[in-house]
Amino acid sequence: MQKFIAEDSFWELFPNSAIGIVVARGMKPAADIPSEDAAAIASLLVEANVRH
């Protein structure tokens, strides 16, 4: 992806928005992640979303 474009209508609906983009390389497929690690990651994501 070279470019990210947010149309004016987006900003009209969400004027106080902030957009962040993450590029990740070298990610493992979910099937290659041990279940304990996947559970820990899921827990961290839930916690991060609750705080914000």
N, C-alpha and C. Protein backbone atom coordinates (compact mmCIF):
# COMPACT_ATOMS: atom_id res chain seq x y z
N MET A 1 0.86 -1.17 0.00
CA MET A 1 0.00 0.00 0.00
C MET A 1 0.90 1.23 0.00
N GLN A 2 0.72 2.06 -0.94
CA GLN A 2 1.51 3.28 -1.07
C GLN A 2 0.83 4.49 -0.45
N LYS A 3 -0.50 4.47 -0.42
CA LYS A 3 -1.22 5.67 -0.03
C LYS A 3 -2.49 5.32 0.74
N PHE A 4 -2.81 6.10 1.76
CA PHE A 4 -4.04 5.95 2.51
C PHE A 4 -4.81 7.25 2.36
N ILE A 5 -6.05 7.17 1.94
CA ILE A 5 -6.86 8.37 1.73
C ILE A 5 -8.13 8.27 2.55
N ALA A 6 -8.40 9.28 3.37
CA ALA A 6 -9.66 9.38 4.10
C ALA A 6 -10.48 10.49 3.43
N GLU A 7 -11.66 10.12 2.96
CA GLU A 7 -12.51 11.09 2.28
C GLU A 7 -13.05 12.12 3.26
N ASP A 8 -13.43 13.26 2.74
CA ASP A 8 -13.97 14.34 3.57
C ASP A 8 -15.16 13.88 4.40
N SER A 9 -15.98 12.98 3.85
CA SER A 9 -17.16 12.51 4.58
C SER A 9 -16.76 11.79 5.87
N PHE A 10 -15.61 11.14 5.89
CA PHE A 10 -15.13 10.50 7.11
C PHE A 10 -14.91 11.54 8.20
N TRP A 11 -14.23 12.63 7.84
CA TRP A 11 -13.91 13.67 8.81
C TRP A 11 -15.16 14.41 9.27
N GLU A 12 -16.17 14.47 8.41
CA GLU A 12 -17.44 15.08 8.82
C GLU A 12 -18.12 14.23 9.89
N LEU A 13 -18.03 12.91 9.75
CA LEU A 13 -18.64 12.01 10.73
C LEU A 13 -17.81 11.89 12.01
N PHE A 14 -16.49 11.92 11.86
CA PHE A 14 -15.58 11.72 13.00
C PHE A 14 -14.52 12.82 13.03
N PRO A 15 -14.92 14.04 13.37
CA PRO A 15 -13.98 15.17 13.28
C PRO A 15 -12.79 15.10 14.24
N ASN A 16 -12.89 14.36 15.32
CA ASN A 16 -11.80 14.28 16.29
C ASN A 16 -10.97 13.00 16.14
N SER A 17 -11.11 12.34 15.02
CA SER A 17 -10.41 11.08 14.80
C SER A 17 -8.92 11.26 14.63
N ALA A 18 -8.21 10.21 14.97
CA ALA A 18 -6.78 10.11 14.69
C ALA A 18 -6.59 8.75 14.01
N ILE A 19 -5.84 8.73 12.94
CA ILE A 19 -5.64 7.50 12.20
C ILE A 19 -4.19 7.06 12.36
N GLY A 20 -4.02 5.80 12.68
CA GLY A 20 -2.69 5.22 12.77
C GLY A 20 -2.62 4.02 11.84
N ILE A 21 -1.49 3.84 11.23
CA ILE A 21 -1.30 2.71 10.32
C ILE A 21 -0.07 1.94 10.77
N VAL A 22 -0.22 0.64 10.84
CA VAL A 22 0.87 -0.23 11.25
C VAL A 22 1.22 -1.14 10.08
N VAL A 23 2.50 -1.23 9.77
CA VAL A 23 2.98 -2.15 8.75
C VAL A 23 3.80 -3.22 9.48
N ALA A 24 3.41 -4.47 9.31
CA ALA A 24 4.11 -5.56 9.99
C ALA A 24 4.64 -6.53 8.94
N ARG A 25 5.88 -6.90 9.09
CA ARG A 25 6.51 -7.86 8.18
C ARG A 25 7.01 -9.05 8.99
N GLY A 26 7.07 -10.18 8.38
CA GLY A 26 7.59 -11.37 9.05
C GLY A 26 6.65 -11.97 10.07
N MET A 27 5.38 -11.72 9.94
CA MET A 27 4.40 -12.26 10.89
C MET A 27 4.23 -13.77 10.66
N LYS A 28 4.01 -14.49 11.74
CA LYS A 28 3.75 -15.93 11.65
C LYS A 28 2.25 -16.15 11.44
N PRO A 29 1.88 -17.21 10.73
CA PRO A 29 0.46 -17.57 10.64
C PRO A 29 -0.07 -17.94 12.02
N ALA A 30 -1.34 -17.70 12.26
CA ALA A 30 -1.94 -18.00 13.57
C ALA A 30 -1.74 -19.47 13.95
N ALA A 31 -1.76 -20.35 12.98
CA ALA A 31 -1.59 -21.79 13.26
C ALA A 31 -0.21 -22.11 13.82
N ASP A 32 0.77 -21.21 13.61
CA ASP A 32 2.13 -21.44 14.09
C ASP A 32 2.39 -20.86 15.49
N ILE A 33 1.40 -20.22 16.08
CA ILE A 33 1.54 -19.60 17.40
C ILE A 33 1.03 -20.57 18.46
N PRO A 34 1.84 -20.88 19.47
CA PRO A 34 1.35 -21.76 20.55
C PRO A 34 0.10 -21.19 21.20
N SER A 35 -0.82 -22.05 21.59
CA SER A 35 -2.10 -21.59 22.14
C SER A 35 -1.93 -20.71 23.38
N GLU A 36 -0.90 -21.00 24.20
CA GLU A 36 -0.67 -20.17 25.39
C GLU A 36 -0.29 -18.74 24.98
N ASP A 37 0.55 -18.62 23.95
CA ASP A 37 0.95 -17.30 23.48
C ASP A 37 -0.24 -16.57 22.87
N ALA A 38 -1.06 -17.29 22.10
CA ALA A 38 -2.24 -16.67 21.48
C ALA A 38 -3.19 -16.16 22.56
N ALA A 39 -3.36 -16.92 23.63
CA ALA A 39 -4.23 -16.49 24.72
C ALA A 39 -3.67 -15.25 25.41
N ALA A 40 -2.36 -15.21 25.61
CA ALA A 40 -1.73 -14.05 26.24
C ALA A 40 -1.89 -12.81 25.37
N ILE A 41 -1.71 -12.98 24.08
CA ILE A 41 -1.87 -11.85 23.15
C ILE A 41 -3.31 -11.36 23.15
N ALA A 42 -4.26 -12.28 23.12
CA ALA A 42 -5.68 -11.91 23.15
C ALA A 42 -6.01 -11.14 24.42
N SER A 43 -5.46 -11.58 25.53
CA SER A 43 -5.70 -10.89 26.81
C SER A 43 -5.14 -9.47 26.79
N LEU A 44 -3.95 -9.30 26.24
CA LEU A 44 -3.35 -7.97 26.13
C LEU A 44 -4.18 -7.05 25.24
N LEU A 45 -4.71 -7.59 24.16
CA LEU A 45 -5.54 -6.77 23.26
C LEU A 45 -6.84 -6.34 23.95
N VAL A 46 -7.46 -7.26 24.68
CA VAL A 46 -8.69 -6.92 25.42
C VAL A 46 -8.39 -5.82 26.43
N GLU A 47 -7.31 -5.99 27.18
CA GLU A 47 -6.93 -4.99 28.20
C GLU A 47 -6.64 -3.63 27.56
N ALA A 48 -5.95 -3.62 26.44
CA ALA A 48 -5.64 -2.35 25.77
C ALA A 48 -6.90 -1.65 25.31
N ASN A 49 -7.88 -2.39 24.84
CA ASN A 49 -9.12 -1.79 24.36
C ASN A 49 -10.02 -1.32 25.50
N VAL A 50 -9.93 -1.95 26.65
CA VAL A 50 -10.73 -1.54 27.81
C VAL A 50 -10.22 -0.22 28.36
N ARG A 51 -8.90 -0.05 28.38
CA ARG A 51 -8.31 1.17 28.95
C ARG A 51 -8.56 2.39 28.09
N HIS A 52 -8.78 2.21 26.80
CA HIS A 52 -8.93 3.35 25.93
C HIS A 52 -10.36 3.43 25.53
